[in-house]
Protein backbone atom coordinates (compact mmCIF):
# COMPACT_ATOMS: atom_id res chain seq x y z
CA MET A 1 -13.24 1.64 -8.92
CA LYS A 2 -11.72 0.89 -12.32
CA LYS A 3 -9.41 -2.12 -12.57
CA PRO A 4 -6.48 -2.12 -15.03
CA ASP A 5 -5.95 -5.27 -17.09
CA PHE A 6 -3.87 -7.95 -15.43
CA LEU A 7 -0.52 -8.77 -17.01
CA LYS A 8 0.56 -11.60 -19.28
CA VAL A 9 4.01 -12.98 -20.04
CA GLY A 10 5.95 -10.61 -22.28
CA ASP A 11 4.35 -7.43 -20.96
CA VAL A 12 6.50 -4.42 -20.04
CA VAL A 13 6.94 -3.22 -16.45
CA GLY A 14 8.44 0.17 -15.68
CA ILE A 15 10.42 0.91 -12.52
CA VAL A 16 10.53 4.51 -11.32
CA ALA A 17 11.85 6.25 -8.22
CA THR A 18 9.38 8.77 -6.80
CA ALA A 19 11.04 9.32 -3.44
CA LYS A 20 14.36 8.47 -1.79
CA ASN A 21 17.56 7.63 -3.67
CA PHE A 22 19.44 4.33 -3.67
CA LEU A 23 22.52 2.71 -5.18
CA PRO A 24 22.10 1.05 -8.60
CA GLU A 25 23.19 -2.33 -7.27
CA GLU A 26 20.32 -2.26 -4.77
CA LEU A 27 17.90 -2.59 -7.67
CA ASN A 28 19.63 -5.51 -9.40
CA ALA A 29 17.91 -8.32 -7.52
CA GLY A 30 14.49 -6.76 -8.08
CA ILE A 31 15.09 -6.36 -11.81
CA GLU A 32 16.14 -10.00 -12.17
CA ILE A 33 13.19 -11.28 -10.18
CA ILE A 34 10.69 -9.36 -12.32
CA LYS A 35 12.41 -10.54 -15.51
CA ASN A 36 12.17 -14.11 -14.25
CA TRP A 37 8.41 -13.63 -14.12
CA GLY A 38 8.50 -13.39 -17.91
CA LEU A 39 8.19 -9.61 -18.01
CA GLU A 40 10.30 -6.98 -19.74
CA VAL A 41 11.71 -4.31 -17.42
CA ARG A 42 12.34 -0.67 -18.25
CA ILE A 43 14.07 1.67 -15.83
CA GLY A 44 13.27 5.38 -15.59
CA LYS A 45 16.10 7.42 -17.11
CA ASN A 46 16.52 9.40 -13.89
CA CYS A 47 16.01 6.46 -11.55
CA TYR A 48 19.61 6.29 -10.30
CA LYS A 49 20.14 10.01 -9.79
CA HIS A 50 20.88 11.55 -6.40
CA TYR A 51 19.78 14.99 -5.33
CA HIS A 52 20.33 15.28 -1.59
CA GLN A 53 18.16 12.47 -0.20
CA PHE A 54 15.95 12.24 -3.28
CA ALA A 55 16.26 10.09 -6.40
CA GLY A 56 16.83 13.16 -8.54
CA LYS A 57 15.27 16.60 -8.50
CA ASP A 58 11.49 16.89 -8.26
CA GLU A 59 11.20 17.63 -11.98
CA GLU A 60 13.31 14.58 -12.83
CA ARG A 61 11.16 12.26 -10.76
CA VAL A 62 8.05 13.84 -12.31
CA SER A 63 9.49 13.27 -15.78
CA ASP A 64 10.07 9.55 -15.24
CA LEU A 65 6.68 8.89 -13.66
CA GLN A 66 4.84 10.95 -16.28
CA GLU A 67 6.65 9.22 -19.14
CA PHE A 68 5.78 5.77 -17.86
CA LEU A 69 2.16 6.70 -17.06
CA ASN A 70 1.80 7.92 -20.65
CA ASP A 71 3.66 5.05 -22.33
CA LYS A 72 1.03 2.63 -23.66
CA GLU A 73 3.54 -0.21 -23.94
CA ILE A 74 4.17 -0.18 -20.21
CA ARG A 75 1.44 -2.24 -18.55
CA ALA A 76 2.48 -1.76 -14.93
CA ILE A 77 4.66 0.58 -12.89
CA VAL A 78 6.44 -0.68 -9.79
CA CYS A 79 8.01 2.01 -7.64
CA ALA A 80 11.62 1.27 -6.72
CA ARG A 81 11.44 2.27 -3.05
CA GLY A 82 9.80 4.58 -0.54
CA GLY A 83 11.41 7.00 1.89
CA TYR A 84 10.08 10.50 1.32
CA GLY A 85 9.33 12.59 -1.74
CA THR A 86 6.21 11.39 -3.58
CA SER A 87 4.03 14.11 -2.06
CA ARG A 88 6.40 16.72 -3.51
CA ILE A 89 5.63 15.65 -7.09
CA ILE A 90 2.07 14.32 -7.10
CA ASP A 91 0.43 17.64 -8.03
CA ASP A 92 2.66 17.95 -11.10
CA ILE A 93 1.51 14.65 -12.59
CA ASN A 94 -1.12 14.67 -15.37
CA PHE A 95 -3.25 11.52 -15.27
CA SER A 96 -5.33 12.18 -18.41
CA THR A 97 -3.45 9.69 -20.63
CA PHE A 98 -3.37 7.17 -17.78
CA GLU A 99 -7.15 7.40 -17.49
CA ASP A 100 -7.47 6.51 -21.17
CA HIS A 101 -5.04 3.58 -20.78
CA PRO A 102 -4.91 2.61 -17.08
CA LYS A 103 -2.17 0.35 -15.76
CA TRP A 104 -1.23 -1.15 -12.42
CA VAL A 105 0.89 0.95 -10.06
CA ALA A 106 2.50 -0.89 -7.14
CA GLY A 107 4.40 0.04 -3.99
CA PHE A 108 3.95 0.93 -0.33
CA SER A 109 5.23 3.26 2.39
CA ASP A 110 5.75 6.75 0.88
CA VAL A 111 4.15 5.48 -2.35
CA THR A 112 0.89 5.53 -0.36
CA VAL A 113 0.65 9.09 -1.74
CA LEU A 114 0.45 7.84 -5.33
CA LEU A 115 -1.74 4.84 -4.55
CA ASN A 116 -4.25 6.99 -2.69
CA HIS A 117 -4.25 9.64 -5.40
CA LEU A 118 -5.18 6.92 -7.88
CA ASN A 119 -7.92 5.84 -5.51
CA SER A 120 -9.22 9.40 -5.31
CA ILE A 121 -9.64 9.50 -9.12
CA GLY A 122 -11.24 6.06 -9.23
CA TYR A 123 -8.50 3.50 -9.99
CA GLN A 124 -7.29 0.39 -8.25
CA SER A 125 -3.61 -0.08 -7.42
CA ILE A 126 -1.42 -2.63 -5.66
CA HIS A 127 -0.01 -2.32 -2.15
CA SER A 128 3.12 -4.45 -2.21
CA SER A 129 6.82 -4.82 -1.63
CA MET A 130 9.18 -2.91 -3.95
CA PRO A 131 12.26 -3.91 -6.00
CA VAL A 132 14.91 -2.27 -3.79
CA VAL A 133 13.56 -4.36 -0.93
CA PHE A 134 13.57 -7.62 -2.93
CA GLY A 135 17.29 -8.19 -2.46
CA LYS A 136 16.99 -7.67 1.29
CA ASN A 137 13.71 -9.53 1.72
CA HIS A 138 14.13 -13.19 2.53
CA ASN A 139 10.37 -13.80 2.46
CA GLN A 140 10.07 -14.98 -1.12
CA HIS A 141 6.40 -15.82 -0.62
CA ALA A 142 5.59 -12.16 -0.01
CA ILE A 143 7.46 -11.16 -3.19
CA GLN A 144 5.61 -13.81 -5.18
CA THR A 145 2.26 -12.38 -4.06
CA LEU A 146 3.11 -9.29 -6.13
CA ARG A 147 3.74 -11.49 -9.15
CA ASP A 148 0.49 -13.38 -8.55
CA THR A 149 -1.49 -10.16 -8.16
CA LEU A 150 -0.05 -8.59 -11.32
CA PHE A 151 -1.06 -11.71 -13.27
CA GLY A 152 -4.55 -11.81 -11.75
CA ARG A 153 -4.02 -14.65 -9.31
CA VAL A 154 -5.08 -12.65 -6.27
CA ASN A 155 -4.43 -14.49 -3.03
CA SER A 156 -6.56 -14.76 0.07
CA ILE A 157 -4.57 -13.61 3.09
CA HIS A 158 -4.84 -15.50 6.38
CA PHE A 159 -3.42 -13.96 9.54
CA PRO A 160 -3.28 -15.15 13.16
CA PHE A 161 -5.57 -14.26 16.02
CA HIS A 162 -4.71 -11.27 18.20
CA GLU A 163 -6.24 -10.61 21.60
CA LEU A 164 -7.36 -7.12 20.54
CA ASN A 165 -9.33 -8.41 17.54
CA ARG A 166 -13.01 -7.54 17.29
CA VAL A 167 -14.65 -10.52 15.63
CA GLY A 168 -17.12 -10.20 12.78
CA ASN A 169 -17.61 -10.37 9.03
CA SER A 170 -17.85 -7.57 6.51
CA GLU A 171 -17.18 -6.70 2.91
CA GLY A 172 -16.01 -3.56 1.18
CA LEU A 173 -13.30 -1.91 -0.84
CA ILE A 174 -9.91 -1.95 0.89
CA VAL A 175 -8.27 1.47 1.14
CA GLY A 176 -5.40 2.91 3.15
CA GLY A 177 -1.69 2.32 3.58
CA ASN A 178 0.93 4.04 5.69
CA LEU A 179 -0.72 5.83 8.61
CA SER A 180 1.53 8.90 8.68
CA ILE A 181 1.08 9.38 4.92
CA LEU A 182 -2.70 8.97 5.13
CA VAL A 183 -2.87 11.68 7.79
CA SER A 184 -0.72 13.99 5.65
CA LEU A 185 -3.16 13.60 2.73
CA ILE A 186 -6.23 14.80 4.64
CA GLY A 187 -7.54 17.96 2.99
CA THR A 188 -5.56 17.44 -0.22
CA THR A 189 -6.67 16.26 -3.66
CA SER A 190 -5.14 12.87 -2.82
CA ASP A 191 -7.37 12.34 0.22
CA ILE A 192 -9.63 9.29 0.12
CA SER A 193 -13.10 8.43 1.34
CA THR A 194 -13.23 5.71 3.98
CA GLU A 195 -17.04 5.48 4.22
CA ASP A 196 -18.20 1.89 3.74
CA ARG A 197 -14.57 0.85 3.18
CA ILE A 198 -12.24 -1.58 4.92
CA LEU A 199 -9.32 0.54 6.11
CA PHE A 200 -5.78 -0.84 6.19
CA LEU A 201 -3.09 0.80 8.34
CA GLU A 202 0.65 0.22 8.86
CA ASP A 203 3.63 2.31 9.93
CA VAL A 204 7.30 2.23 10.89
CA GLY A 205 9.75 4.19 13.03
CA GLU A 206 7.20 6.32 14.83
CA ASN A 207 6.96 7.38 18.46
CA LEU A 208 3.93 5.96 20.22
CA TYR A 209 2.54 9.38 21.11
CA ARG A 210 2.62 10.27 17.41
CA ILE A 211 0.65 7.13 16.59
CA ASP A 212 -1.94 8.31 19.10
CA ARG A 213 -1.96 11.82 17.60
CA MET A 214 -2.47 10.44 14.11
CA MET A 215 -5.29 8.15 15.18
CA VAL A 216 -6.97 11.11 16.89
CA GLN A 217 -6.58 13.07 13.64
CA LEU A 218 -8.19 10.26 11.62
CA LYS A 219 -11.04 10.12 14.10
CA ARG A 220 -11.60 13.89 14.14
CA ALA A 221 -11.56 13.92 10.34
CA GLY A 222 -14.36 11.34 10.22
CA LYS A 223 -12.19 8.59 8.78
CA LEU A 224 -12.99 5.92 11.40
CA ASP A 225 -16.68 6.08 12.21
CA LYS A 226 -18.26 4.71 9.02
CA LEU A 227 -15.84 1.91 8.17
CA LYS A 228 -16.88 -1.59 7.16
CA GLY A 229 -13.82 -2.96 8.90
CA LEU A 230 -10.25 -2.25 9.96
CA ILE A 231 -7.16 -4.35 9.27
CA VAL A 232 -3.94 -3.44 11.05
CA GLY A 233 -0.62 -4.46 9.56
CA HIS A 234 2.94 -4.13 10.84
CA PHE A 235 3.71 -1.30 13.23
CA SER A 236 7.47 -1.76 13.29
CA ASP A 237 10.30 -0.15 15.24
CA MET A 238 8.06 1.95 17.46
CA SER A 239 9.78 4.16 20.04
CA ASP A 240 8.68 5.69 23.33
CA ASN A 241 9.64 8.64 25.54
CA THR A 242 11.45 8.55 28.87
CA VAL A 243 8.03 8.79 30.47
CA PRO A 244 6.21 5.90 28.72
CA PHE A 245 3.07 6.58 26.75
CA GLY A 246 1.52 3.55 28.42
CA LYS A 247 0.09 1.71 25.41
CA SER A 248 1.43 -0.24 22.47
CA ALA A 249 0.64 0.84 18.91
CA PHE A 250 -2.07 -1.82 18.63
CA GLU A 251 -3.58 -0.73 21.96
CA ILE A 252 -3.64 2.90 20.78
CA ILE A 253 -5.51 1.87 17.64
CA ALA A 254 -7.92 -0.31 19.62
CA ASP A 255 -8.67 2.62 21.92
CA ALA A 256 -9.37 4.91 18.95
CA VAL A 257 -12.00 2.54 17.49
CA LYS A 258 -13.45 1.02 20.68
CA GLU A 259 -16.83 2.74 20.30
CA TYR A 260 -17.51 1.29 16.86
CA LYS A 261 -18.95 -2.12 15.96
CA TYR A 262 -17.14 -3.17 12.77
CA PRO A 263 -14.64 -6.06 12.79
CA VAL A 264 -11.00 -5.26 13.52
CA GLY A 265 -8.14 -7.63 12.73
CA TYR A 266 -4.54 -7.16 13.87
CA ASN A 267 -1.37 -8.93 12.69
CA PHE A 268 -2.21 -8.46 8.99
CA PRO A 269 0.98 -9.39 7.09
CA ALA A 270 1.70 -6.12 5.27
CA GLY A 271 3.97 -3.18 5.98
CA HIS A 272 7.62 -2.60 6.83
CA GLU A 273 8.62 -6.20 7.53
CA SER A 274 9.71 -9.05 5.28
CA ASP A 275 6.25 -10.61 5.20
CA ASN A 276 4.66 -7.86 3.14
CA ARG A 277 1.86 -9.50 1.13
CA ALA A 278 0.44 -7.83 -1.95
CA PHE A 279 -3.23 -6.89 -2.20
CA ILE A 280 -5.32 -4.57 -4.35
CA LEU A 281 -6.30 -1.18 -2.97
CA GLY A 282 -9.71 -0.15 -4.23
CA ALA A 283 -10.85 -3.75 -4.80
CA LYS A 284 -13.66 -5.50 -2.96
CA TYR A 285 -12.61 -7.97 -0.29
CA ASN A 286 -14.41 -9.94 2.38
CA LEU A 287 -13.00 -9.62 5.88
CA SER A 288 -13.64 -12.37 8.40
CA VAL A 289 -12.20 -11.89 11.89
CA GLU A 290 -12.69 -15.00 13.99
CA PHE A 291 -11.22 -16.38 17.21
CA LYS A 292 -8.76 -18.77 15.57
CA GLU A 293 -7.63 -16.60 12.67
CA SER A 294 -8.67 -13.83 10.32
CA VAL A 295 -8.87 -13.93 6.55
CA VAL A 296 -9.17 -11.34 3.79
CA VAL A 297 -10.61 -12.75 0.56
CA TYR A 298 -10.55 -11.01 -2.83
CA ASN A 299 -14.14 -10.86 -3.99
CA PRO A 300 -14.69 -8.93 -7.23
CA THR A 301 -17.95 -10.83 -7.85
CA ASN A 302 -19.37 -10.09 -4.37
CA THR A 303 -20.57 -13.67 -3.91
CA PHE A 304 -18.37 -14.91 -1.07
CA ASP A 305 -19.90 -17.45 1.30
CA TYR A 306 -18.43 -16.99 4.77
CA SER A 307 -19.28 -20.56 5.65
CA SER A 308 -17.17 -22.00 2.81
């Protein structure tokens, strides 16, 4: 997996909207925060447009993303927000100039489409909070992990014990993102390999039976059996039917992977809650799931000592 260069003070960051629309004032806090990091901010010319629920027509969102991917002065692209819409434009994006001059692309939720497409063509990206959320997110530490990651100060992430954890140690490239998006990418050019990878999953606003259906789909598609590990982030605002499904989201996931031996850690602080830590998709990490806590450690040199 190819790693773009980390940023330095004075570099240019582009903000684009690939999915749902928003009000201009919702972006203000995010712009100011990124500027306070010592970076110049450029906004896509169509970023504030509204076309039904989208941030402009498909061709307008394509135009902004393509322009910023091609612009050699822009060293990173942070997507404004998620929602829905990135899958509608991904096949119209040409990545040839990007591949000659790669840059960081950051986001989560619906942006999982773009992050996984980059993974499929061999490039790392950043799973992180997004500028529209910054003004609503009171967890400043989570926001600062995006800054740290962009500048190359990649944090280890500690997360608390959960009774469904399967203890163990492993190492591998972290891949994944939003569960419903990952399932929608199976069979497309944006689909990813999970073999010998540590898979990350999160989701929001789903019915529990749909979580089960998606986990069954991942399993049937061969996405779960050859993992190096599984880390499970926030599964927020889950709903149930009048007749209960009978399991929580975490229990559904545990049931789907019960026959395998790799470590599984729940309560990973990433997803649709304020504590949404940044980490690099496509980068090598060490996963240690123990009884007291779990930890994910960035390990580009592959020399981590679990006893340290």
